[in-house]
Amino acid sequence: MLPSFEIENFRAFSQLRIGHLGGVNLVVGRNNVGKTMLLEAIRFYASGGNPTLLIDLLQDRDEILLGHHSDEEPRNAHLHFASLF
């Protein structure tokens, strides 16, 4: 269990600190305020910073730029990582 969580320069978060996390946490808020971005950051942290997860995050949001061939594998794609950091 994480006691706290801090994000810096991830997607729209320049800095976010959650000082206390419990065993169960509820994330609520209006549309487009960053709930999914928070979950993406936690998922990336939980993966140990696995760079292939960045491809999954970009692909999930249709932010991946594939090469000339439509059957090209995502790992060979040209990525726009600037949208994450």
PDB file of N, CA and C in Angstrom:
ATOM      1  N   MET A   1       0.841  -1.176   0.000  1.00  0.00           N
ATOM      2  CA  MET A   1       0.000   0.000   0.000  1.00  0.00           C
ATOM      3  C   MET A   1       0.888   1.242   0.000  1.00  0.00           C
ATOM      4  N   LEU A   2       0.513   2.206  -0.792  1.00  0.00           N
ATOM      5  CA  LEU A   2       1.229   3.475  -0.846  1.00  0.00           C
ATOM      6  C   LEU A   2       0.733   4.398   0.266  1.00  0.00           C
ATOM      7  N   PRO A   3       1.618   4.968   1.057  1.00  0.00           N
ATOM      8  CA  PRO A   3       1.168   5.921   2.084  1.00  0.00           C
ATOM      9  C   PRO A   3       0.828   7.290   1.493  1.00  0.00           C
ATOM     10  N   SER A   4       1.499   7.653   0.397  1.00  0.00           N
ATOM     11  CA  SER A   4       1.259   8.929  -0.277  1.00  0.00           C
ATOM     12  C   SER A   4       1.682   8.771  -1.733  1.00  0.00           C
ATOM     13  N   PHE A   5       1.370   9.780  -2.541  1.00  0.00           N
ATOM     14  CA  PHE A   5       1.717   9.712  -3.961  1.00  0.00           C
ATOM     15  C   PHE A   5       1.938  11.125  -4.462  1.00  0.00           C
ATOM     16  N   GLU A   6       3.002  11.309  -5.225  1.00  0.00           N
ATOM     17  CA  GLU A   6       3.316  12.623  -5.773  1.00  0.00           C
ATOM     18  C   GLU A   6       3.616  12.495  -7.257  1.00  0.00           C
ATOM     19  N   ILE A   7       3.086  13.421  -8.041  1.00  0.00           N
ATOM     20  CA  ILE A   7       3.279  13.453  -9.490  1.00  0.00           C
ATOM     21  C   ILE A   7       3.917  14.787  -9.848  1.00  0.00           C
ATOM     22  N   GLU A   8       4.924  14.740 -10.701  1.00  0.00           N
ATOM     23  CA  GLU A   8       5.517  15.970 -11.236  1.00  0.00           C
ATOM     24  C   GLU A   8       5.667  15.812 -12.739  1.00  0.00           C
ATOM     25  N   ASN A   9       5.161  16.786 -13.473  1.00  0.00           N
ATOM     26  CA  ASN A   9       5.316  16.853 -14.931  1.00  0.00           C
ATOM     27  C   ASN A   9       4.841  15.595 -15.644  1.00  0.00           C
ATOM     28  N   PHE A  10       3.651  15.158 -15.334  1.00  0.00           N
ATOM     29  CA  PHE A  10       3.036  14.028 -16.022  1.00  0.00           C
ATOM     30  C   PHE A  10       1.706  14.504 -16.583  1.00  0.00           C
ATOM     31  N   ARG A  11       1.604  14.468 -17.904  1.00  0.00           N
ATOM     32  CA  ARG A  11       0.430  14.974 -18.618  1.00  0.00           C
ATOM     33  C   ARG A  11       0.116  16.399 -18.149  1.00  0.00           C
ATOM     34  N   ALA A  12      -1.066  16.680 -17.685  1.00  0.00           N
ATOM     35  CA  ALA A  12      -1.436  18.047 -17.295  1.00  0.00           C
ATOM     36  C   ALA A  12      -1.004  18.402 -15.876  1.00  0.00           C
ATOM     37  N   PHE A  13      -0.462  17.459 -15.137  1.00  0.00           N
ATOM     38  CA  PHE A  13      -0.047  17.731 -13.758  1.00  0.00           C
ATOM     39  C   PHE A  13       1.362  18.300 -13.740  1.00  0.00           C
ATOM     40  N   SER A  14       1.495  19.545 -13.349  1.00  0.00           N
ATOM     41  CA  SER A  14       2.847  20.061 -13.123  1.00  0.00           C
ATOM     42  C   SER A  14       3.327  19.548 -11.768  1.00  0.00           C
ATOM     43  N   GLN A  15       2.418  19.506 -10.807  1.00  0.00           N
ATOM     44  CA  GLN A  15       2.722  18.912  -9.512  1.00  0.00           C
ATOM     45  C   GLN A  15       1.417  18.587  -8.791  1.00  0.00           C
ATOM     46  N   LEU A  16       1.338  17.382  -8.279  1.00  0.00           N
ATOM     47  CA  LEU A  16       0.195  16.953  -7.472  1.00  0.00           C
ATOM     48  C   LEU A  16       0.725  16.090  -6.345  1.00  0.00           C
ATOM     49  N   ARG A  17       0.330  16.393  -5.146  1.00  0.00           N
ATOM     50  CA  ARG A  17       0.736  15.579  -3.989  1.00  0.00           C
ATOM     51  C   ARG A  17      -0.501  15.165  -3.229  1.00  0.00           C
ATOM     52  N   ILE A  18      -0.621  13.863  -3.033  1.00  0.00           N
ATOM     53  CA  ILE A  18      -1.674  13.297  -2.194  1.00  0.00           C
ATOM     54  C   ILE A  18      -0.959  12.797  -0.945  1.00  0.00           C
ATOM     55  N   GLY A  19      -1.142  13.496   0.148  1.00  0.00           N
ATOM     56  CA  GLY A  19      -0.372  13.249   1.358  1.00  0.00           C
ATOM     57  C   GLY A  19      -0.709  11.988   2.106  1.00  0.00           C
ATOM     58  N   HIS A  20      -1.944  11.531   1.998  1.00  0.00           N
ATOM     59  CA  HIS A  20      -2.342  10.343   2.757  1.00  0.00           C
ATOM     60  C   HIS A  20      -3.270   9.500   1.900  1.00  0.00           C
ATOM     61  N   LEU A  21      -2.873   8.258   1.702  1.00  0.00           N
ATOM     62  CA  LEU A  21      -3.719   7.299   0.991  1.00  0.00           C
ATOM     63  C   LEU A  21      -4.134   6.211   1.970  1.00  0.00           C
ATOM     64  N   GLY A  22      -5.355   5.769   1.862  1.00  0.00           N
ATOM     65  CA  GLY A  22      -5.843   4.706   2.717  1.00  0.00           C
ATOM     66  C   GLY A  22      -5.827   3.368   1.992  1.00  0.00           C
ATOM     67  N   GLY A  23      -6.391   2.363   2.620  1.00  0.00           N
ATOM     68  CA  GLY A  23      -6.491   1.042   2.007  1.00  0.00           C
ATOM     69  C   GLY A  23      -7.399   1.054   0.789  1.00  0.00           C
ATOM     70  N   VAL A  24      -8.422   1.876   0.848  1.00  0.00           N
ATOM     71  CA  VAL A  24      -9.342   2.067  -0.276  1.00  0.00           C
ATOM     72  C   VAL A  24      -9.474   3.574  -0.477  1.00  0.00           C
ATOM     73  N   ASN A  25      -9.357   4.009  -1.722  1.00  0.00           N
ATOM     74  CA  ASN A  25      -9.425   5.440  -2.028  1.00  0.00           C
ATOM     75  C   ASN A  25     -10.448   5.663  -3.122  1.00  0.00           C
ATOM     76  N   LEU A  26     -11.200   6.715  -3.005  1.00  0.00           N
ATOM     77  CA  LEU A  26     -12.216   7.083  -3.987  1.00  0.00           C
ATOM     78  C   LEU A  26     -11.754   8.354  -4.688  1.00  0.00           C
ATOM     79  N   VAL A  27     -11.691   8.297  -6.015  1.00  0.00           N
ATOM     80  CA  VAL A  27     -11.277   9.456  -6.806  1.00  0.00           C
ATOM     81  C   VAL A  27     -12.530   9.993  -7.488  1.00  0.00           C
ATOM     82  N   VAL A  28     -12.903  11.208  -7.140  1.00  0.00           N
ATOM     83  CA  VAL A  28     -14.103  11.815  -7.714  1.00  0.00           C
ATOM     84  C   VAL A  28     -13.765  13.199  -8.228  1.00  0.00           C
ATOM     85  N   GLY A  29     -14.559  13.664  -9.162  1.00  0.00           N
ATOM     86  CA  GLY A  29     -14.390  15.010  -9.684  1.00  0.00           C
ATOM     87  C   GLY A  29     -15.170  15.180 -10.970  1.00  0.00           C
ATOM     88  N   ARG A  30     -15.264  16.398 -11.408  1.00  0.00           N
ATOM     89  CA  ARG A  30     -15.960  16.705 -12.657  1.00  0.00           C
ATOM     90  C   ARG A  30     -15.210  16.093 -13.833  1.00  0.00           C
ATOM     91  N   ASN A  31     -15.852  16.116 -14.989  1.00  0.00           N
ATOM     92  CA  ASN A  31     -15.214  15.638 -16.204  1.00  0.00           C
ATOM     93  C   ASN A  31     -13.992  16.484 -16.530  1.00  0.00           C
ATOM     94  N   ASN A  32     -12.969  15.815 -17.033  1.00  0.00           N
ATOM     95  CA  ASN A  32     -11.786  16.484 -17.560  1.00  0.00           C
ATOM     96  C   ASN A  32     -10.982  17.247 -16.506  1.00  0.00           C
ATOM     97  N   VAL A  33     -10.905  16.713 -15.286  1.00  0.00           N
ATOM     98  CA  VAL A  33     -10.091  17.361 -14.255  1.00  0.00           C
ATOM     99  C   VAL A  33      -8.834  16.571 -13.919  1.00  0.00           C
ATOM    100  N   GLY A  34      -8.698  15.344 -14.464  1.00  0.00           N
ATOM    101  CA  GLY A  34      -7.466  14.590 -14.262  1.00  0.00           C
ATOM    102  C   GLY A  34      -7.597  13.267 -13.543  1.00  0.00           C
ATOM    103  N   LYS A  35      -8.798  12.770 -13.349  1.00  0.00           N
ATOM    104  CA  LYS A  35      -8.960  11.484 -12.654  1.00  0.00           C
ATOM    105  C   LYS A  35      -8.246  10.358 -13.399  1.00  0.00           C
ATOM    106  N   THR A  36      -8.446  10.298 -14.705  1.00  0.00           N
ATOM    107  CA  THR A  36      -7.800   9.248 -15.499  1.00  0.00           C
ATOM    108  C   THR A  36      -6.297   9.448 -15.539  1.00  0.00           C
ATOM    109  N   MET A  37      -5.840  10.694 -15.618  1.00  0.00           N
ATOM    110  CA  MET A  37      -4.397  10.958 -15.600  1.00  0.00           C
ATOM    111  C   MET A  37      -3.771  10.482 -14.299  1.00  0.00           C
ATOM    112  N   LEU A  38      -4.472  10.683 -13.189  1.00  0.00           N
ATOM    113  CA  LEU A  38      -3.979  10.201 -11.907  1.00  0.00           C
ATOM    114  C   LEU A  38      -3.844   8.686 -11.924  1.00  0.00           C
ATOM    115  N   LEU A  39      -4.851   7.997 -12.434  1.00  0.00           N
ATOM    116  CA  LEU A  39      -4.799   6.533 -12.507  1.00  0.00           C
ATOM    117  C   LEU A  39      -3.698   6.064 -13.457  1.00  0.00           C
ATOM    118  N   GLU A  40      -3.481   6.782 -14.554  1.00  0.00           N
ATOM    119  CA  GLU A  40      -2.386   6.445 -15.467  1.00  0.00           C
ATOM    120  C   GLU A  40      -1.036   6.593 -14.774  1.00  0.00           C
ATOM    121  N   ALA A  41      -0.874   7.651 -14.003  1.00  0.00           N
ATOM    122  CA  ALA A  41       0.380   7.866 -13.277  1.00  0.00           C
ATOM    123  C   ALA A  41       0.614   6.767 -12.251  1.00  0.00           C
ATOM    124  N   ILE A  42      -0.437   6.364 -11.547  1.00  0.00           N
ATOM    125  CA  ILE A  42      -0.313   5.277 -10.579  1.00  0.00           C
ATOM    126  C   ILE A  42       0.014   3.971 -11.293  1.00  0.00           C
ATOM    127  N   ARG A  43      -0.628   3.737 -12.421  1.00  0.00           N
ATOM    128  CA  ARG A  43      -0.355   2.527 -13.210  1.00  0.00           C
ATOM    129  C   ARG A  43       1.103   2.515 -13.678  1.00  0.00           C
ATOM    130  N   PHE A  44       1.607   3.661 -14.146  1.00  0.00           N
ATOM    131  CA  PHE A  44       2.994   3.753 -14.588  1.00  0.00           C
ATOM    132  C   PHE A  44       3.941   3.513 -13.418  1.00  0.00           C
ATOM    133  N   TYR A  45       3.646   4.085 -12.265  1.00  0.00           N
ATOM    134  CA  TYR A  45       4.460   3.863 -11.073  1.00  0.00           C
ATOM    135  C   TYR A  45       4.459   2.382 -10.678  1.00  0.00           C
ATOM    136  N   ALA A  46       3.282   1.777 -10.688  1.00  0.00           N
ATOM    137  CA  ALA A  46       3.157   0.370 -10.291  1.00  0.00           C
ATOM    138  C   ALA A  46       3.906  -0.556 -11.240  1.00  0.00           C
ATOM    139  N   SER A  47       4.088  -0.130 -12.487  1.00  0.00           N
ATOM    140  CA  SER A  47       4.816  -0.955 -13.456  1.00  0.00           C
ATOM    141  C   SER A  47       6.330  -0.828 -13.291  1.00  0.00           C
ATOM    142  N   GLY A  48       6.761  -0.009 -12.354  1.00  0.00           N
ATOM    143  CA  GLY A  48       8.189   0.206 -12.163  1.00  0.00           C
ATOM    144  C   GLY A  48       8.778   1.148 -13.198  1.00  0.00           C
ATOM    145  N   GLY A  49       7.903   1.949 -13.828  1.00  0.00           N
ATOM    146  CA  GLY A  49       8.369   2.878 -14.853  1.00  0.00           C
ATOM    147  C   GLY A  49       8.645   2.195 -16.176  1.00  0.00           C
ATOM    148  N   ASN A  50       7.957   1.092 -16.423  1.00  0.00           N
ATOM    149  CA  ASN A  50       8.146   0.310 -17.646  1.00  0.00           C
ATOM    150  C   ASN A  50       7.852   1.171 -18.876  1.00  0.00           C
ATOM    151  N   PRO A  51       8.847   1.414 -19.743  1.00  0.00           N
ATOM    152  CA  PRO A  51       8.623   2.288 -20.896  1.00  0.00           C
ATOM    153  C   PRO A  51       7.609   1.740 -21.896  1.00  0.00           C
ATOM    154  N   THR A  52       7.420   0.425 -21.955  1.00  0.00           N
ATOM    155  CA  THR A  52       6.414  -0.102 -22.886  1.00  0.00           C
ATOM    156  C   THR A  52       5.007   0.270 -22.436  1.00  0.00           C
ATOM    157  N   LEU A  53       4.828   0.563 -21.154  1.00  0.00           N
ATOM    158  CA  LEU A  53       3.520   1.019 -20.684  1.00  0.00           C
ATOM    159  C   LEU A  53       3.187   2.386 -21.280  1.00  0.00           C
ATOM    160  N   LEU A  54       4.198   3.204 -21.541  1.00  0.00           N
ATOM    161  CA  LEU A  54       3.945   4.502 -22.180  1.00  0.00           C
ATOM    162  C   LEU A  54       3.288   4.306 -23.544  1.00  0.00           C
ATOM    163  N   ILE A  55       3.714   3.284 -24.268  1.00  0.00           N
ATOM    164  CA  ILE A  55       3.094   2.974 -25.560  1.00  0.00           C
ATOM    165  C   ILE A  55       1.632   2.618 -25.346  1.00  0.00           C
ATOM    166  N   ASP A  56       1.350   1.795 -24.341  1.00  0.00           N
ATOM    167  CA  ASP A  56      -0.039   1.419 -24.045  1.00  0.00           C
ATOM    168  C   ASP A  56      -0.880   2.643 -23.691  1.00  0.00           C
ATOM    169  N   LEU A  57      -0.338   3.543 -22.868  1.00  0.00           N
ATOM    170  CA  LEU A  57      -1.077   4.741 -22.479  1.00  0.00           C
ATOM    171  C   LEU A  57      -1.398   5.609 -23.685  1.00  0.00           C
ATOM    172  N   LEU A  58      -0.411   5.790 -24.547  1.00  0.00           N
ATOM    173  CA  LEU A  58      -0.632   6.591 -25.755  1.00  0.00           C
ATOM    174  C   LEU A  58      -1.623   5.921 -26.693  1.00  0.00           C
ATOM    175  N   GLN A  59      -1.528   4.601 -26.817  1.00  0.00           N
ATOM    176  CA  GLN A  59      -2.431   3.872 -27.707  1.00  0.00           C
ATOM    177  C   GLN A  59      -3.864   3.916 -27.175  1.00  0.00           C
ATOM    178  N   ASP A  60      -4.035   3.793 -25.870  1.00  0.00           N
ATOM    179  CA  ASP A  60      -5.368   3.855 -25.265  1.00  0.00           C
ATOM    180  C   ASP A  60      -6.062   5.179 -25.546  1.00  0.00           C
ATOM    181  N   ARG A  61      -5.286   6.255 -25.673  1.00  0.00           N
ATOM    182  CA  ARG A  61      -5.839   7.592 -25.909  1.00  0.00           C
ATOM    183  C   ARG A  61      -5.737   8.033 -27.367  1.00  0.00           C
ATOM    184  N   ASP A  62      -5.394   7.095 -28.246  1.00  0.00           N
ATOM    185  CA  ASP A  62      -5.222   7.405 -29.684  1.00  0.00           C
ATOM    186  C   ASP A  62      -4.215   8.527 -29.892  1.00  0.00           C
ATOM    187  N   GLU A  63      -3.136   8.518 -29.135  1.00  0.00           N
ATOM    188  CA  GLU A  63      -2.090   9.525 -29.260  1.00  0.00           C
ATOM    189  C   GLU A  63      -0.804   8.925 -29.810  1.00  0.00           C
ATOM    190  N   ILE A  64      -0.905   7.795 -30.465  1.00  0.00           N
ATOM    191  CA  ILE A  64       0.259   7.123 -31.020  1.00  0.00           C
ATOM    192  C   ILE A  64       0.265   7.349 -32.528  1.00  0.00           C
ATOM    193  N   LEU A  65       1.419   7.666 -33.052  1.00  0.00           N
ATOM    194  CA  LEU A  65       1.547   7.919 -34.477  1.00  0.00           C
ATOM    195  C   LEU A  65       2.223   6.717 -35.118  1.00  0.00           C
ATOM    196  N   LEU A  66       1.458   5.920 -35.842  1.00  0.00           N
ATOM    197  CA  LEU A  66       2.022   4.754 -36.509  1.00  0.00           C
ATOM    198  C   LEU A  66       2.762   5.179 -37.761  1.00  0.00           C
ATOM    199  N   GLY A  67       3.664   4.317 -38.218  1.00  0.00           N
ATOM    200  CA  GLY A  67       4.431   4.575 -39.432  1.00  0.00           C
ATOM    201  C   GLY A  67       3.568   4.454 -40.670  1.00  0.00           C
ATOM    202  N   HIS A  68       4.184   4.250 -41.808  1.00  0.00           N
ATOM    203  CA  HIS A  68       3.487   4.208 -43.088  1.00  0.00           C
ATOM    204  C   HIS A  68       2.611   2.982 -43.263  1.00  0.00           C
ATOM    205  N   HIS A  69       2.930   1.890 -42.591  1.00  0.00           N
ATOM    206  CA  HIS A  69       2.174   0.645 -42.770  1.00  0.00           C
ATOM    207  C   HIS A  69       1.162   0.490 -41.649  1.00  0.00           C
ATOM    208  N   SER A  70      -0.083   0.266 -41.991  1.00  0.00           N
ATOM    209  CA  SER A  70      -1.137   0.177 -40.981  1.00  0.00           C
ATOM    210  C   SER A  70      -0.973  -1.046 -40.088  1.00  0.00           C
ATOM    211  N   ASP A  71      -0.236  -2.068 -40.547  1.00  0.00           N
ATOM    212  CA  ASP A  71      -0.039  -3.266 -39.729  1.00  0.00           C
ATOM    213  C   ASP A  71       1.224  -3.189 -38.886  1.00  0.00           C
ATOM    214  N   GLU A  72       1.845  -2.021 -38.818  1.00  0.00           N
ATOM    215  CA  GLU A  72       3.073  -1.835 -38.062  1.00  0.00           C
ATOM    216  C   GLU A  72       2.788  -2.010 -36.573  1.00  0.00           C
ATOM    217  N   GLU A  73       3.688  -2.689 -35.908  1.00  0.00           N
ATOM    218  CA  GLU A  73       3.548  -2.928 -34.471  1.00  0.00           C
ATOM    219  C   GLU A  73       3.722  -1.620 -33.703  1.00  0.00           C
ATOM    220  N   PRO A  74       2.979  -1.414 -32.626  1.00  0.00           N
ATOM    221  CA  PRO A  74       3.128  -0.191 -31.827  1.00  0.00           C
ATOM    222  C   PRO A  74       4.550   0.034 -31.325  1.00  0.00           C
ATOM    223  N   ARG A  75       5.300  -1.040 -31.030  1.00  0.00           N
ATOM    224  CA  ARG A  75       6.655  -0.849 -30.515  1.00  0.00           C
ATOM    225  C   ARG A  75       7.579  -0.226 -31.562  1.00  0.00           C
ATOM    226  N   ASN A  76       7.205  -0.314 -32.844  1.00  0.00           N
ATOM    227  CA  ASN A  76       7.987   0.290 -33.912  1.00  0.00           C
ATOM    228  C   ASN A  76       7.426   1.638 -34.334  1.00  0.00           C
ATOM    229  N   ALA A  77       6.449   2.122 -33.631  1.00  0.00           N
ATOM    230  CA  ALA A  77       5.761   3.359 -34.011  1.00  0.00           C
ATOM    231  C   ALA A  77       6.556   4.578 -33.583  1.00  0.00           C
ATOM    232  N   HIS A  78       6.256   5.690 -34.215  1.00  0.00           N
ATOM    233  CA  HIS A  78       6.804   6.973 -33.810  1.00  0.00           C
ATOM    234  C   HIS A  78       5.863   7.531 -32.746  1.00  0.00           C
ATOM    235  N   LEU A  79       6.385   7.799 -31.589  1.00  0.00           N
ATOM    236  CA  LEU A  79       5.560   8.194 -30.458  1.00  0.00           C
ATOM    237  C   LEU A  79       5.695   9.672 -30.162  1.00  0.00           C
ATOM    238  N   HIS A  80       4.627  10.216 -29.650  1.00  0.00           N
ATOM    239  CA  HIS A  80       4.611  11.615 -29.220  1.00  0.00           C
ATOM    240  C   HIS A  80       4.600  11.615 -27.687  1.00  0.00           C
ATOM    241  N   PHE A  81       5.763  11.422 -27.072  1.00  0.00           N
ATOM    242  CA  PHE A  81       5.844  11.338 -25.629  1.00  0.00           C
ATOM    243  C   PHE A  81       5.631  12.679 -24.943  1.00  0.00           C
ATOM    244  N   ALA A  82       5.727  13.761 -25.678  1.00  0.00           N
ATOM    245  CA  ALA A  82       5.558  15.074 -25.059  1.00  0.00           C
ATOM    246  C   ALA A  82       4.191  15.233 -24.407  1.00  0.00           C
ATOM    247  N   SER A  83       3.189  14.481 -24.871  1.00  0.00           N
ATOM    248  CA  SER A  83       1.871  14.596 -24.262  1.00  0.00           C
ATOM    249  C   SER A  83       1.824  13.948 -22.877  1.00  0.00           C
ATOM    250  N   LEU A  84       2.845  13.164 -22.533  1.00  0.00           N
ATOM    251  CA  LEU A  84       2.873  12.534 -21.213  1.00  0.00           C
ATOM    252  C   LEU A  84       3.661  13.352 -20.197  1.00  0.00           C
ATOM    253  N   PHE A  85       4.679  14.077 -20.652  1.00  0.00           N
ATOM    254  CA  PHE A  85       5.549  14.777 -19.714  1.00  0.00           C
ATOM    255  C   PHE A  85       5.626  16.249 -20.017  1.00  0.00           C
TER     256      PHE A  85
END
